Amino acid sequence: MKKLINDPADLVAEALRGVAAAHPELRVDHEHKLVIRGDAPVQGKVGIISGGGSGHEPLHGGFVGRGMLDAACAGEVFTSPVPDQMLAATQAVDGGAGVLHIVKNYTGDVMNFEMAAELASAETGTEVVAVVTDDDVAVQDSLYTAGRRGVGVTVLVEKIAGAAAEDGRSLADVATLAQRVNEQGRSMGMALTSCTVPAAGTPTFDLPENEMEIGIGIHGEPGRRRVPVASAREVAAMLVEPVLADLDFTGSDGVLAFVNGMGATPQIELYLMYHEIDQLLAKAGVTVIRSLVGSYITSLDMAGCSLTLLALDDELLRLWDAPVSTPGLRWGV
């Protein structure tokens, strides 16, 4: 294992010290391992928090700032944060208008966020609503989930819900929008290599040089099938076809196409994949009106990519285009 770390046990804590040094506009609560918007809580604004196991950066801490998240909870690598962390984050961003929890559909995350919401209600009377993302079409259940996994659409939910909250929308409105984004988005991913969790020191799964995994999760969970390594054009079809088979995107006002890197895939390959995907979507009658290409929800050092499509409408398009200022996503400022 070759990694730029000291002691694997200190990885998350030391990375958060780097976040604090690099981004003084944010606050880092080192005790609870939280990244918090510098001006939080913003009075009268719905607070939005998310979180999960570390190793998916820039998700979630890299998306804290104006127009997106108010706080993010960092668990240990691929391990859910604990309820105390989520409670501290909820309290830190409560500006009196309630708090939205954005939760990826992994069993530990869902359970711990539910406990934190109950504690926040009991201790301070904070109104908390949770939206669970479950956009992965690869498998119905996995090692970590009951039902579909929450993957790429999580980034889009955080951006669009964050813009709505910045507009002063109510908690009910922001939660409804977040749920709509989840329902109108679908994802599919693939891997050329496994990832290596620092504490383990060895690859999570064995993937021969001449094979690739189709339908993987963001923790290295196995996918639909293992197939011989293929061209980018063939891989694009393996991602596009199951997404389009799961939801009809042809009747929408246009889609956002998000090609995401899993951590070790260079940008040149992601743009090549975007070109292949864009051609397939055009042939299928799907109109792309917005795009996002880059590594935004990763799996440590895994090589591979995922595709997320989101059906847009005028409201979602406006909120996607709204200004955002975070370490991982920034425009219009």
Protein backbone atom coordinates (compact mmCIF):
# COMPACT_ATOMS: atom_id res chain seq x y z
CA MET A 1 0.00 0.00 0.00
CA LYS A 2 1.40 3.37 -1.07
CA LYS A 3 -0.54 6.31 0.37
CA LEU A 4 0.27 9.80 1.60
CA ILE A 5 -0.67 9.14 5.21
CA ASN A 6 0.92 8.93 8.63
CA ASP A 7 -0.99 6.58 10.92
CA PRO A 8 -4.16 5.20 9.26
CA ALA A 9 -5.98 5.71 12.57
CA ASP A 10 -5.34 9.47 12.34
CA LEU A 11 -6.23 9.92 8.67
CA VAL A 12 -9.64 11.60 9.06
CA ALA A 13 -8.59 13.86 11.95
CA GLU A 14 -5.44 14.99 10.14
CA ALA A 15 -7.30 15.57 6.87
CA LEU A 16 -9.77 17.79 8.73
CA ARG A 17 -6.86 19.82 10.09
CA GLY A 18 -5.85 20.34 6.46
CA VAL A 19 -9.37 21.45 5.58
CA ALA A 20 -9.28 23.99 8.41
CA ALA A 21 -5.93 25.37 7.25
CA ALA A 22 -6.88 25.51 3.56
CA HIS A 23 -10.37 26.97 4.03
CA PRO A 24 -10.47 29.55 6.81
CA GLU A 25 -13.94 30.62 5.60
CA LEU A 26 -15.21 27.35 7.13
CA ARG A 27 -15.24 26.17 10.74
CA VAL A 28 -14.00 22.72 11.67
CA ASP A 29 -15.22 21.13 14.88
CA HIS A 30 -12.37 18.72 15.54
CA GLU A 31 -14.06 17.12 18.55
CA HIS A 32 -17.07 16.00 16.51
CA LYS A 33 -15.30 15.86 13.14
CA LEU A 34 -17.59 18.40 11.46
CA VAL A 35 -17.07 20.88 8.65
CA ILE A 36 -19.38 23.87 9.24
CA ARG A 37 -20.23 26.94 7.20
CA GLY A 38 -18.38 29.89 8.69
CA ASP A 39 -21.47 32.04 9.26
CA ALA A 40 -23.69 29.23 10.60
CA PRO A 41 -26.29 29.27 11.93
CA VAL A 42 -27.91 31.66 9.45
CA GLN A 43 -30.99 33.02 11.20
CA GLY A 44 -34.25 32.30 9.41
CA LYS A 45 -32.64 29.94 6.88
CA VAL A 46 -33.23 26.20 6.72
CA GLY A 47 -30.04 24.46 7.80
CA ILE A 48 -28.85 21.56 5.64
CA ILE A 49 -26.50 18.86 6.82
CA SER A 50 -25.25 15.65 5.30
CA GLY A 51 -22.44 13.25 5.98
CA GLY A 52 -21.23 9.71 5.90
CA GLY A 53 -18.06 7.72 5.93
CA SER A 54 -14.93 9.52 4.78
CA GLY A 55 -13.21 8.43 1.59
CA HIS A 56 -15.76 9.96 -0.82
CA GLU A 57 -14.23 13.44 -0.99
CA PRO A 58 -15.15 16.08 -1.95
CA LEU A 59 -18.49 14.64 -0.74
CA HIS A 60 -19.52 15.81 1.85
CA GLY A 61 -17.17 18.29 3.53
CA GLY A 62 -16.12 19.82 0.22
CA PHE A 63 -19.70 20.91 -0.40
CA VAL A 64 -20.10 23.07 2.71
CA GLY A 65 -20.64 26.75 2.01
CA ARG A 66 -23.05 29.29 0.59
CA GLY A 67 -25.62 27.72 -1.70
CA MET A 68 -25.05 24.14 -0.60
CA LEU A 69 -24.52 22.44 2.79
CA ASP A 70 -24.35 24.20 6.14
CA ALA A 71 -22.44 21.33 7.76
CA ALA A 72 -21.06 17.88 7.01
CA CYS A 73 -20.27 15.02 9.38
CA ALA A 74 -17.14 12.99 8.67
CA GLY A 75 -17.22 9.38 9.81
CA GLU A 76 -14.18 7.17 9.72
CA VAL A 77 -13.34 5.77 6.28
CA PHE A 78 -16.44 4.05 4.86
CA THR A 79 -18.04 4.13 8.33
CA SER A 80 -21.14 6.08 9.26
CA PRO A 81 -20.79 9.06 11.59
CA VAL A 82 -22.30 8.50 15.02
CA PRO A 83 -25.51 10.21 16.24
CA ASP A 84 -23.58 12.57 18.53
CA GLN A 85 -21.79 14.00 15.49
CA MET A 86 -25.02 14.47 13.59
CA LEU A 87 -26.70 16.05 16.63
CA ALA A 88 -23.84 18.52 17.02
CA ALA A 89 -24.05 19.40 13.32
CA THR A 90 -27.82 19.86 13.52
CA GLN A 91 -27.50 22.19 16.50
CA ALA A 92 -24.68 24.14 14.85
CA VAL A 93 -26.79 25.04 11.81
CA ASP A 94 -30.21 25.53 13.41
CA GLY A 95 -31.20 29.10 12.56
CA GLY A 96 -34.79 28.68 13.69
CA ALA A 97 -36.27 27.49 10.38
CA GLY A 98 -35.61 23.79 10.85
CA VAL A 99 -32.92 21.47 9.55
CA LEU A 100 -32.85 19.12 6.56
CA HIS A 101 -30.82 15.91 6.78
CA ILE A 102 -29.66 14.54 3.41
CA VAL A 103 -28.89 10.87 3.94
CA LYS A 104 -27.45 8.32 1.52
CA ASN A 105 -29.33 5.01 1.74
CA TYR A 106 -26.82 3.01 3.76
CA THR A 107 -28.14 1.25 6.83
CA GLY A 108 -25.78 2.85 9.34
CA ASP A 109 -26.28 6.35 7.96
CA VAL A 110 -30.08 6.07 7.97
CA MET A 111 -30.22 4.68 11.51
CA ASN A 112 -27.79 7.20 13.00
CA PHE A 113 -29.39 10.22 11.32
CA GLU A 114 -32.80 9.08 12.62
CA MET A 115 -31.40 8.88 16.16
CA ALA A 116 -29.83 12.34 15.82
CA ALA A 117 -33.13 13.82 14.62
CA GLU A 118 -34.94 12.37 17.63
CA LEU A 119 -32.30 13.76 19.99
CA ALA A 120 -32.46 17.22 18.36
CA SER A 121 -36.23 17.30 18.74
CA ALA A 122 -36.06 16.17 22.37
CA GLU A 123 -33.21 18.47 23.45
CA THR A 124 -33.94 21.72 21.60
CA GLY A 125 -37.24 21.22 19.81
CA THR A 126 -35.55 21.54 16.42
CA GLU A 127 -37.74 20.44 13.53
CA VAL A 128 -35.78 17.98 11.40
CA VAL A 129 -36.82 16.40 8.10
CA ALA A 130 -34.73 13.71 6.41
CA VAL A 131 -34.52 12.91 2.70
CA VAL A 132 -32.86 9.60 1.82
CA THR A 133 -31.17 9.26 -1.59
CA ASP A 134 -31.49 5.91 -3.38
CA ASP A 135 -30.68 6.51 -7.04
CA ASP A 136 -28.41 3.55 -7.89
CA VAL A 137 -30.08 1.27 -10.45
CA ALA A 138 -27.38 -1.41 -10.26
CA VAL A 139 -28.83 -3.60 -7.52
CA GLN A 140 -31.93 -3.59 -5.33
CA ASP A 141 -30.07 -4.54 -2.12
CA SER A 142 -26.37 -4.55 -1.27
CA LEU A 143 -23.96 -5.39 1.52
CA TYR A 144 -24.79 -2.11 3.27
CA THR A 145 -28.36 -1.33 2.24
CA ALA A 146 -31.95 -2.39 2.22
CA GLY A 147 -33.10 -1.07 -1.13
CA ARG A 148 -31.10 0.94 -3.60
CA ARG A 149 -27.88 2.70 -2.69
CA GLY A 150 -27.58 6.47 -2.54
CA VAL A 151 -24.80 7.61 -4.85
CA GLY A 152 -24.29 10.37 -7.46
CA VAL A 153 -27.67 12.07 -7.14
CA THR A 154 -26.67 13.00 -3.58
CA VAL A 155 -24.39 15.73 -4.97
CA LEU A 156 -27.26 17.13 -7.04
CA VAL A 157 -29.69 17.02 -4.10
CA GLU A 158 -27.21 18.92 -1.92
CA LYS A 159 -26.73 21.62 -4.58
CA ILE A 160 -30.40 22.12 -5.46
CA ALA A 161 -31.70 21.92 -1.89
CA GLY A 162 -28.92 24.26 -0.82
CA ALA A 163 -29.96 26.84 -3.39
CA ALA A 164 -33.59 26.59 -2.27
CA ALA A 165 -32.61 27.11 1.35
CA GLU A 166 -30.47 30.11 0.34
CA ASP A 167 -33.60 31.55 -1.31
CA GLY A 168 -35.38 31.47 2.05
CA ARG A 169 -37.72 28.60 1.21
CA SER A 170 -39.44 26.75 4.08
CA LEU A 171 -38.25 23.41 5.43
CA ALA A 172 -41.23 21.66 3.85
CA ASP A 173 -40.46 23.24 0.47
CA VAL A 174 -36.75 22.42 0.61
CA ALA A 175 -37.44 18.82 1.63
CA THR A 176 -40.01 18.40 -1.16
CA LEU A 177 -37.50 19.68 -3.71
CA ALA A 178 -34.80 17.35 -2.39
CA GLN A 179 -37.16 14.41 -2.64
CA ARG A 180 -38.10 15.40 -6.18
CA VAL A 181 -34.47 15.49 -7.25
CA ASN A 182 -33.93 12.03 -5.80
CA GLU A 183 -37.01 10.65 -7.56
CA GLN A 184 -36.02 12.19 -10.91
CA GLY A 185 -32.39 11.00 -10.81
CA ARG A 186 -30.79 7.63 -11.60
CA SER A 187 -27.18 6.42 -11.44
CA MET A 188 -24.97 3.53 -12.52
CA GLY A 189 -21.26 3.00 -11.84
CA MET A 190 -18.34 0.78 -12.84
CA ALA A 191 -14.83 0.02 -11.61
CA LEU A 192 -11.56 -0.87 -13.30
CA THR A 193 -9.82 -1.45 -9.96
CA SER A 194 -10.70 -1.94 -6.33
CA CYS A 195 -10.01 0.68 -3.70
CA THR A 196 -7.70 0.19 -0.72
CA VAL A 197 -8.99 1.22 2.71
CA PRO A 198 -5.95 2.53 4.65
CA ALA A 199 -6.80 0.61 7.82
CA ALA A 200 -6.96 -2.63 5.83
CA GLY A 201 -3.90 -2.03 3.68
CA THR A 202 -5.04 -4.34 0.88
CA PRO A 203 -7.59 -3.98 -1.95
CA THR A 204 -11.21 -4.41 -0.87
CA PHE A 205 -11.83 -6.97 -3.60
CA ASP A 206 -9.76 -8.84 -6.16
CA LEU A 207 -10.27 -7.65 -9.73
CA PRO A 208 -8.00 -9.27 -12.34
CA GLU A 209 -6.21 -7.03 -14.83
CA ASN A 210 -8.41 -8.18 -17.71
CA GLU A 211 -11.75 -7.70 -15.94
CA MET A 212 -13.95 -4.84 -14.72
CA GLU A 213 -16.94 -4.62 -12.39
CA ILE A 214 -20.24 -3.17 -13.65
CA GLY A 215 -22.66 -1.69 -11.11
CA ILE A 216 -20.34 -1.13 -8.15
CA GLY A 217 -21.18 0.93 -5.09
CA ILE A 218 -19.07 3.71 -3.61
CA HIS A 219 -17.62 1.46 -0.88
CA GLY A 220 -16.36 -1.20 -3.25
CA GLU A 221 -19.52 -3.29 -3.04
CA PRO A 222 -19.82 -5.73 -5.93
CA GLY A 223 -22.06 -4.82 -8.81
CA ARG A 224 -24.29 -6.55 -11.31
CA ARG A 225 -21.59 -8.53 -13.06
CA ARG A 226 -17.90 -8.88 -13.82
CA VAL A 227 -16.99 -8.65 -17.48
CA PRO A 228 -13.85 -8.44 -19.64
CA VAL A 229 -12.29 -4.99 -19.94
CA ALA A 230 -13.93 -3.17 -22.85
CA SER A 231 -13.59 0.07 -24.78
CA ALA A 232 -14.92 3.36 -23.42
CA ARG A 233 -17.71 3.23 -26.03
CA GLU A 234 -18.83 -0.18 -24.76
CA VAL A 235 -18.59 0.90 -21.13
CA ALA A 236 -20.70 3.97 -21.85
CA ALA A 237 -23.46 1.72 -23.19
CA MET A 238 -23.26 -0.43 -20.05
CA LEU A 239 -23.95 2.67 -17.96
CA VAL A 240 -26.50 4.44 -20.15
CA GLU A 241 -28.73 1.50 -21.02
CA PRO A 242 -29.73 0.46 -17.47
CA VAL A 243 -30.30 4.09 -16.43
CA LEU A 244 -32.61 4.73 -19.38
CA ALA A 245 -34.34 1.40 -18.85
CA ASP A 246 -35.18 2.40 -15.26
CA LEU A 247 -36.61 5.88 -15.95
CA ASP A 248 -37.86 7.54 -19.12
CA PHE A 249 -35.88 10.76 -19.56
CA THR A 250 -37.16 11.53 -23.05
CA GLY A 251 -40.28 13.36 -21.86
CA SER A 252 -38.45 15.83 -19.61
CA ASP A 253 -37.48 19.42 -20.37
CA GLY A 254 -33.90 18.20 -20.58
CA VAL A 255 -31.44 16.47 -18.30
CA LEU A 256 -28.36 17.15 -16.27
CA ALA A 257 -25.72 14.56 -17.21
CA PHE A 258 -23.17 13.97 -14.45
CA VAL A 259 -20.12 11.85 -15.27
CA ASN A 260 -18.28 11.21 -12.02
CA GLY A 261 -14.81 9.84 -11.37
CA MET A 262 -14.35 7.26 -8.63
CA GLY A 263 -11.06 8.73 -7.41
CA ALA A 264 -8.24 7.46 -9.61
CA THR A 265 -9.57 8.15 -13.10
CA PRO A 266 -8.01 11.19 -14.79
CA GLN A 267 -10.13 14.01 -16.15
CA ILE A 268 -9.11 13.27 -19.76
CA GLU A 269 -10.76 9.85 -19.50
CA LEU A 270 -13.87 11.30 -17.86
CA TYR A 271 -14.32 13.76 -20.73
CA LEU A 272 -13.83 10.93 -23.23
CA MET A 273 -16.55 9.00 -21.37
CA TYR A 274 -18.79 12.07 -21.39
CA HIS A 275 -18.47 12.29 -25.17
CA GLU A 276 -19.49 8.65 -25.60
CA ILE A 277 -22.40 9.04 -23.16
CA ASP A 278 -23.57 12.26 -24.78
CA GLN A 279 -23.75 10.54 -28.18
CA LEU A 280 -25.74 7.62 -26.76
CA LEU A 281 -28.18 9.97 -25.03
CA ALA A 282 -28.71 11.95 -28.22
CA LYS A 283 -29.48 8.75 -30.13
CA ALA A 284 -31.98 7.80 -27.41
CA GLY A 285 -33.77 11.14 -27.73
CA VAL A 286 -32.54 12.50 -24.38
CA THR A 287 -31.66 16.22 -24.45
CA VAL A 288 -28.74 17.26 -22.23
CA ILE A 289 -28.97 20.89 -21.10
CA ARG A 290 -26.51 20.85 -18.20
CA SER A 291 -23.43 18.78 -17.45
CA LEU A 292 -21.03 18.05 -14.62
CA VAL A 293 -17.79 16.16 -15.26
CA GLY A 294 -15.27 15.38 -12.54
CA SER A 295 -14.58 13.45 -9.36
CA TYR A 296 -17.23 14.60 -6.87
CA ILE A 297 -18.31 11.41 -5.07
CA THR A 298 -15.35 9.06 -4.95
CA SER A 299 -14.28 5.74 -3.52
CA LEU A 300 -10.76 6.51 -2.30
CA ASP A 301 -8.33 5.37 -5.04
CA MET A 302 -10.75 3.34 -7.15
CA ALA A 303 -10.41 3.69 -10.92
CA GLY A 304 -13.75 3.89 -12.66
CA CYS A 305 -16.69 6.20 -13.18
CA SER A 306 -20.41 6.59 -12.73
CA LEU A 307 -23.22 8.21 -14.67
CA THR A 308 -26.08 10.14 -13.06
CA LEU A 309 -28.96 11.60 -15.05
CA LEU A 310 -31.41 14.08 -13.55
CA ALA A 311 -34.62 15.15 -15.30
CA LEU A 312 -34.77 18.93 -15.05
CA ASP A 313 -37.60 21.44 -15.14
CA ASP A 314 -37.52 25.23 -15.01
CA GLU A 315 -37.38 25.32 -11.21
CA LEU A 316 -34.66 22.71 -10.83
CA LEU A 317 -32.64 24.33 -13.62
CA ARG A 318 -32.78 27.73 -11.92
CA LEU A 319 -31.70 26.25 -8.61
CA TRP A 320 -28.87 24.28 -10.24
CA ASP A 321 -27.61 27.47 -11.91
CA ALA A 322 -27.85 29.52 -8.69
CA PRO A 323 -24.56 30.72 -7.19
CA VAL A 324 -22.60 28.28 -5.05
CA SER A 325 -19.38 28.80 -3.13
CA THR A 326 -17.82 25.69 -1.61
CA PRO A 327 -14.36 24.10 -1.83
CA GLY A 328 -15.65 21.42 -4.21
CA LEU A 329 -18.24 23.30 -6.30
CA ARG A 330 -18.19 26.99 -7.14
CA TRP A 331 -19.85 29.20 -9.74
CA GLY A 332 -21.79 32.44 -10.08
CA VAL A 333 -19.84 34.18 -7.31
